[in-house]
Amino acid sequence: MPLVPGFIQFCHHPIIYDISNRFPAPPGTNTPILAFADDILILSSSLVLTKSGLDTIADFSTLSGLEINCKKTVIVHNRFHSRAGIAAREAWARTKWATIPIASEAKYLGVPLGAVSR
């Protein structure tokens, strides 16, 4: 096994394990996390849980020296334009993760996520 994929898998395992145990998977899924190479996708039903997942990753980052790249990180809110979405963005702006944008859509490994209307 090449070193880099093995190292990434070694780093992902404790993060995935911890987040999977902290909050339940969304209905119809087996896990709240998808991981591929150095990317991690957290599926969450609330920004509180998303923040918890990011906090878990940050805790691990302190130990491993790996970091969250906030320039490449995005949160997709499925009700972006609703009152709930606006309130969520306002609340998010008051957290330590405020530099991570909330969007109505994004791509993960080339796959569109969110309110994609194409």
N, C-alpha and C. Protein backbone atom coordinates (compact mmCIF):
# COMPACT_ATOMS: atom_id res chain seq x y z
N MET A 1 0.85 -1.17 0.00
CA MET A 1 0.00 0.00 0.00
C MET A 1 0.90 1.24 0.00
N PRO A 2 0.63 2.18 -0.91
CA PRO A 2 1.41 3.42 -0.89
C PRO A 2 1.22 4.15 0.43
N LEU A 3 2.22 4.88 0.83
CA LEU A 3 2.22 5.55 2.13
C LEU A 3 1.11 6.58 2.28
N VAL A 4 0.91 7.44 1.29
CA VAL A 4 -0.05 8.54 1.44
C VAL A 4 -1.47 8.03 1.65
N PRO A 5 -2.04 7.13 0.81
CA PRO A 5 -3.40 6.66 1.11
C PRO A 5 -3.51 5.97 2.46
N GLY A 6 -2.51 5.21 2.84
CA GLY A 6 -2.53 4.56 4.14
C GLY A 6 -2.53 5.57 5.27
N PHE A 7 -1.73 6.63 5.12
CA PHE A 7 -1.67 7.68 6.13
C PHE A 7 -3.01 8.41 6.23
N ILE A 8 -3.61 8.70 5.08
CA ILE A 8 -4.90 9.39 5.09
C ILE A 8 -5.95 8.51 5.76
N GLN A 9 -5.96 7.22 5.43
CA GLN A 9 -6.91 6.31 6.07
C GLN A 9 -6.67 6.26 7.58
N PHE A 10 -5.41 6.23 7.98
CA PHE A 10 -5.06 6.23 9.39
C PHE A 10 -5.59 7.48 10.08
N CYS A 11 -5.52 8.62 9.41
CA CYS A 11 -6.00 9.88 9.99
C CYS A 11 -7.52 9.96 10.00
N HIS A 12 -8.16 9.45 8.96
CA HIS A 12 -9.62 9.52 8.88
C HIS A 12 -10.31 8.66 9.92
N HIS A 13 -9.75 7.49 10.20
CA HIS A 13 -10.45 6.53 11.04
C HIS A 13 -10.89 7.10 12.40
N PRO A 14 -10.00 7.73 13.17
CA PRO A 14 -10.47 8.26 14.46
C PRO A 14 -11.50 9.37 14.31
N ILE A 15 -11.37 10.17 13.28
CA ILE A 15 -12.34 11.25 13.05
C ILE A 15 -13.71 10.66 12.73
N ILE A 16 -13.73 9.73 11.78
CA ILE A 16 -14.98 9.11 11.37
C ILE A 16 -15.63 8.37 12.55
N TYR A 17 -14.84 7.64 13.28
CA TYR A 17 -15.35 6.89 14.43
C TYR A 17 -15.97 7.84 15.46
N ASP A 18 -15.26 8.92 15.79
CA ASP A 18 -15.74 9.84 16.81
C ASP A 18 -17.01 10.56 16.37
N ILE A 19 -17.01 11.08 15.15
CA ILE A 19 -18.19 11.80 14.67
C ILE A 19 -19.38 10.85 14.54
N SER A 20 -19.14 9.65 14.04
CA SER A 20 -20.23 8.67 13.90
C SER A 20 -20.86 8.33 15.24
N ASN A 21 -20.08 8.37 16.30
CA ASN A 21 -20.61 8.07 17.62
C ASN A 21 -21.22 9.29 18.30
N ARG A 22 -20.88 10.48 17.85
CA ARG A 22 -21.42 11.70 18.49
C ARG A 22 -22.84 12.02 18.06
N PHE A 23 -23.13 11.78 16.78
CA PHE A 23 -24.50 12.06 16.34
C PHE A 23 -24.93 11.06 15.29
N PRO A 24 -26.25 10.81 15.22
CA PRO A 24 -26.76 9.76 14.35
C PRO A 24 -26.71 10.14 12.87
N ALA A 25 -26.73 9.11 12.05
CA ALA A 25 -26.76 9.31 10.60
C ALA A 25 -28.12 9.85 10.19
N PRO A 26 -28.17 10.66 9.13
CA PRO A 26 -29.47 11.10 8.61
C PRO A 26 -30.30 9.90 8.16
N PRO A 27 -31.62 10.03 8.17
CA PRO A 27 -32.48 8.91 7.76
C PRO A 27 -32.10 8.40 6.37
N GLY A 28 -32.05 7.09 6.24
CA GLY A 28 -31.76 6.48 4.95
C GLY A 28 -30.28 6.34 4.62
N THR A 29 -29.41 6.70 5.56
CA THR A 29 -27.98 6.56 5.32
C THR A 29 -27.37 5.67 6.39
N ASN A 30 -26.19 5.16 6.09
CA ASN A 30 -25.52 4.28 7.04
C ASN A 30 -24.54 5.03 7.93
N THR A 31 -24.04 6.13 7.47
CA THR A 31 -23.05 6.88 8.23
C THR A 31 -23.21 8.37 7.96
N PRO A 32 -22.92 9.20 8.94
CA PRO A 32 -23.02 10.64 8.71
C PRO A 32 -21.80 11.22 8.00
N ILE A 33 -20.86 10.35 7.60
CA ILE A 33 -19.61 10.84 7.02
C ILE A 33 -19.24 10.05 5.78
N LEU A 34 -18.78 10.76 4.77
CA LEU A 34 -18.17 10.13 3.61
C LEU A 34 -16.74 10.67 3.55
N ALA A 35 -15.79 9.79 3.35
CA ALA A 35 -14.38 10.21 3.28
C ALA A 35 -13.74 9.62 2.04
N PHE A 36 -13.00 10.44 1.33
CA PHE A 36 -12.27 10.00 0.15
C PHE A 36 -10.98 10.80 0.07
N ALA A 37 -9.87 10.08 0.03
CA ALA A 37 -8.54 10.73 0.01
C ALA A 37 -8.47 11.71 1.18
N ASP A 38 -8.23 12.98 0.91
CA ASP A 38 -8.12 13.94 2.01
C ASP A 38 -9.38 14.78 2.19
N ASP A 39 -10.50 14.31 1.62
CA ASP A 39 -11.77 15.02 1.74
C ASP A 39 -12.69 14.27 2.71
N ILE A 40 -13.43 15.05 3.47
CA ILE A 40 -14.44 14.47 4.37
C ILE A 40 -15.73 15.25 4.16
N LEU A 41 -16.84 14.52 4.00
CA LEU A 41 -18.16 15.11 3.87
C LEU A 41 -18.96 14.69 5.10
N ILE A 42 -19.45 15.66 5.86
CA ILE A 42 -20.27 15.39 7.03
C ILE A 42 -21.73 15.66 6.67
N LEU A 43 -22.58 14.66 6.83
CA LEU A 43 -24.02 14.83 6.60
C LEU A 43 -24.66 15.10 7.95
N SER A 44 -25.35 16.22 8.04
CA SER A 44 -25.87 16.63 9.34
C SER A 44 -27.25 17.24 9.18
N SER A 45 -28.07 17.08 10.19
CA SER A 45 -29.42 17.65 10.14
C SER A 45 -29.49 19.04 10.78
N SER A 46 -28.37 19.51 11.33
CA SER A 46 -28.38 20.85 11.93
C SER A 46 -26.98 21.44 11.96
N LEU A 47 -26.91 22.74 12.04
CA LEU A 47 -25.61 23.40 12.14
C LEU A 47 -24.95 23.13 13.48
N VAL A 48 -25.74 22.85 14.50
CA VAL A 48 -25.16 22.49 15.81
C VAL A 48 -24.33 21.21 15.65
N LEU A 49 -24.90 20.22 14.94
CA LEU A 49 -24.18 18.98 14.72
C LEU A 49 -22.99 19.18 13.77
N THR A 50 -23.16 20.05 12.79
CA THR A 50 -22.06 20.35 11.87
C THR A 50 -20.91 20.98 12.66
N LYS A 51 -21.23 21.91 13.54
CA LYS A 51 -20.20 22.54 14.37
C LYS A 51 -19.51 21.49 15.23
N SER A 52 -20.27 20.56 15.78
CA SER A 52 -19.69 19.49 16.59
C SER A 52 -18.72 18.65 15.76
N GLY A 53 -19.10 18.34 14.54
CA GLY A 53 -18.21 17.58 13.66
C GLY A 53 -16.94 18.35 13.35
N LEU A 54 -17.07 19.64 13.06
CA LEU A 54 -15.89 20.47 12.80
C LEU A 54 -15.01 20.58 14.04
N ASP A 55 -15.63 20.69 15.21
CA ASP A 55 -14.87 20.74 16.45
C ASP A 55 -14.08 19.44 16.66
N THR A 56 -14.70 18.31 16.32
CA THR A 56 -14.01 17.02 16.43
C THR A 56 -12.80 16.98 15.51
N ILE A 57 -12.99 17.42 14.28
CA ILE A 57 -11.87 17.45 13.33
C ILE A 57 -10.78 18.40 13.82
N ALA A 58 -11.17 19.55 14.36
CA ALA A 58 -10.18 20.51 14.88
C ALA A 58 -9.42 19.92 16.07
N ASP A 59 -10.13 19.19 16.93
CA ASP A 59 -9.45 18.53 18.06
C ASP A 59 -8.40 17.56 17.55
N PHE A 60 -8.76 16.77 16.54
CA PHE A 60 -7.82 15.82 15.97
C PHE A 60 -6.67 16.57 15.28
N SER A 61 -6.99 17.69 14.67
CA SER A 61 -5.96 18.49 13.98
C SER A 61 -4.90 18.96 14.96
N THR A 62 -5.31 19.29 16.17
CA THR A 62 -4.37 19.72 17.20
C THR A 62 -3.35 18.61 17.49
N LEU A 63 -3.83 17.37 17.52
CA LEU A 63 -2.96 16.24 17.80
C LEU A 63 -2.10 15.82 16.60
N SER A 64 -2.69 15.91 15.40
CA SER A 64 -2.02 15.37 14.21
C SER A 64 -1.20 16.40 13.45
N GLY A 65 -1.51 17.67 13.63
CA GLY A 65 -0.85 18.69 12.84
C GLY A 65 -1.54 18.94 11.50
N LEU A 66 -2.54 18.12 11.17
CA LEU A 66 -3.32 18.35 9.95
C LEU A 66 -4.32 19.46 10.22
N GLU A 67 -4.73 20.15 9.17
CA GLU A 67 -5.61 21.30 9.37
C GLU A 67 -6.82 21.25 8.45
N ILE A 68 -7.88 21.94 8.85
CA ILE A 68 -9.04 22.14 8.00
C ILE A 68 -8.71 23.32 7.09
N ASN A 69 -8.87 23.13 5.79
CA ASN A 69 -8.65 24.22 4.85
C ASN A 69 -9.98 24.95 4.67
N CYS A 70 -10.16 26.04 5.42
CA CYS A 70 -11.42 26.77 5.38
C CYS A 70 -11.70 27.40 4.02
N LYS A 71 -10.65 27.60 3.21
CA LYS A 71 -10.84 28.15 1.86
C LYS A 71 -11.49 27.12 0.93
N LYS A 72 -11.36 25.84 1.25
CA LYS A 72 -11.94 24.79 0.41
C LYS A 72 -13.14 24.13 1.07
N THR A 73 -13.58 24.68 2.19
CA THR A 73 -14.68 24.09 2.95
C THR A 73 -15.93 24.91 2.73
N VAL A 74 -17.05 24.22 2.58
CA VAL A 74 -18.34 24.90 2.42
C VAL A 74 -19.41 24.08 3.14
N ILE A 75 -20.40 24.77 3.65
CA ILE A 75 -21.56 24.13 4.26
C ILE A 75 -22.73 24.36 3.32
N VAL A 76 -23.40 23.29 2.95
CA VAL A 76 -24.56 23.40 2.07
C VAL A 76 -25.81 23.28 2.93
N HIS A 77 -26.64 24.31 2.87
CA HIS A 77 -27.89 24.34 3.64
C HIS A 77 -29.03 24.10 2.66
N ASN A 78 -29.84 23.08 2.91
CA ASN A 78 -30.87 22.72 1.93
C ASN A 78 -32.05 23.70 1.90
N ARG A 79 -32.14 24.58 2.88
CA ARG A 79 -33.19 25.61 2.87
C ARG A 79 -32.52 26.99 2.94
N PHE A 80 -31.56 27.18 2.06
CA PHE A 80 -30.70 28.36 2.07
C PHE A 80 -31.49 29.67 2.05
N HIS A 81 -32.52 29.76 1.22
CA HIS A 81 -33.25 31.02 1.04
C HIS A 81 -34.44 31.16 1.98
N SER A 82 -34.71 30.15 2.78
CA SER A 82 -35.85 30.22 3.70
C SER A 82 -35.49 31.06 4.93
N ARG A 83 -36.48 31.35 5.74
CA ARG A 83 -36.21 32.06 7.00
C ARG A 83 -35.26 31.26 7.87
N ALA A 84 -35.45 29.92 7.89
CA ALA A 84 -34.57 29.07 8.69
C ALA A 84 -33.13 29.15 8.17
N GLY A 85 -32.96 29.18 6.85
CA GLY A 85 -31.63 29.28 6.27
C GLY A 85 -30.96 30.60 6.59
N ILE A 86 -31.73 31.67 6.53
CA ILE A 86 -31.19 33.00 6.85
C ILE A 86 -30.80 33.06 8.33
N ALA A 87 -31.67 32.54 9.19
CA ALA A 87 -31.37 32.52 10.63
C ALA A 87 -30.13 31.67 10.91
N ALA A 88 -30.01 30.55 10.20
CA ALA A 88 -28.85 29.68 10.39
C ALA A 88 -27.57 30.40 9.99
N ARG A 89 -27.58 31.12 8.89
CA ARG A 89 -26.38 31.86 8.46
C ARG A 89 -26.02 32.95 9.46
N GLU A 90 -27.04 33.62 10.01
CA GLU A 90 -26.78 34.66 11.01
C GLU A 90 -26.17 34.05 12.28
N ALA A 91 -26.69 32.92 12.72
CA ALA A 91 -26.15 32.25 13.91
C ALA A 91 -24.74 31.73 13.63
N TRP A 92 -24.51 31.19 12.43
CA TRP A 92 -23.20 30.66 12.06
C TRP A 92 -22.15 31.76 12.09
N ALA A 93 -22.53 32.96 11.71
CA ALA A 93 -21.60 34.10 11.65
C ALA A 93 -21.06 34.45 13.04
N ARG A 94 -21.70 33.96 14.09
CA ARG A 94 -21.25 34.25 15.45
C ARG A 94 -20.41 33.11 16.04
N THR A 95 -20.09 32.10 15.23
CA THR A 95 -19.29 30.98 15.72
C THR A 95 -17.83 31.15 15.30
N LYS A 96 -16.96 30.32 15.87
CA LYS A 96 -15.54 30.37 15.48
C LYS A 96 -15.32 29.86 14.06
N TRP A 97 -16.35 29.24 13.47
CA TRP A 97 -16.26 28.70 12.11
C TRP A 97 -16.85 29.65 11.08
N ALA A 98 -17.05 30.91 11.44
CA ALA A 98 -17.72 31.87 10.56
C ALA A 98 -17.02 32.08 9.22
N THR A 99 -15.73 31.76 9.13
CA THR A 99 -15.03 31.93 7.85
C THR A 99 -15.43 30.86 6.83
N ILE A 100 -16.10 29.79 7.27
CA ILE A 100 -16.58 28.76 6.35
C ILE A 100 -17.95 29.21 5.85
N PRO A 101 -18.09 29.40 4.54
CA PRO A 101 -19.36 29.91 4.01
C PRO A 101 -20.47 28.85 4.02
N ILE A 102 -21.71 29.36 4.07
CA ILE A 102 -22.88 28.52 3.91
C ILE A 102 -23.45 28.85 2.54
N ALA A 103 -23.67 27.83 1.73
CA ALA A 103 -24.14 28.03 0.36
C ALA A 103 -25.38 27.18 0.10
N SER A 104 -26.04 27.45 -1.01
CA SER A 104 -27.21 26.66 -1.38
C SER A 104 -26.81 25.41 -2.15
N GLU A 105 -25.58 25.40 -2.69
CA GLU A 105 -25.11 24.24 -3.43
C GLU A 105 -23.59 24.23 -3.48
N ALA A 106 -23.04 23.06 -3.74
CA ALA A 106 -21.59 22.89 -3.87
C ALA A 106 -21.35 21.58 -4.60
N LYS A 107 -20.09 21.29 -4.89
CA LYS A 107 -19.73 20.01 -5.49
C LYS A 107 -18.79 19.28 -4.56
N TYR A 108 -18.99 17.98 -4.44
CA TYR A 108 -18.10 17.11 -3.68
C TYR A 108 -17.64 16.02 -4.63
N LEU A 109 -16.36 16.00 -4.92
CA LEU A 109 -15.78 15.04 -5.87
C LEU A 109 -16.52 15.10 -7.21
N GLY A 110 -16.90 16.31 -7.62
CA GLY A 110 -17.57 16.51 -8.90
C GLY A 110 -19.06 16.27 -8.89
N VAL A 111 -19.61 15.87 -7.75
CA VAL A 111 -21.04 15.58 -7.65
C VAL A 111 -21.75 16.79 -7.04
N PRO A 112 -22.75 17.35 -7.76
CA PRO A 112 -23.49 18.50 -7.20
C PRO A 112 -24.28 18.10 -5.96
N LEU A 113 -24.24 18.96 -4.95
CA LEU A 113 -24.99 18.76 -3.71
C LEU A 113 -25.81 19.99 -3.44
N GLY A 114 -26.94 19.82 -2.78
CA GLY A 114 -27.76 20.95 -2.39
C GLY A 114 -28.88 21.20 -3.37
N ALA A 115 -29.32 22.44 -3.40
CA ALA A 115 -30.47 22.82 -4.22
C ALA A 115 -30.03 23.08 -5.66
N VAL A 116 -29.54 22.06 -6.31
CA VAL A 116 -29.04 22.20 -7.68
C VAL A 116 -30.24 22.16 -8.62
N SER A 117 -30.37 23.18 -9.45
CA SER A 117 -31.55 23.28 -10.32
C SER A 117 -31.17 23.22 -11.80
N ARG A 118 -30.14 22.50 -12.12
CA ARG A 118 -29.74 22.40 -13.53
C ARG A 118 -30.31 21.16 -14.16
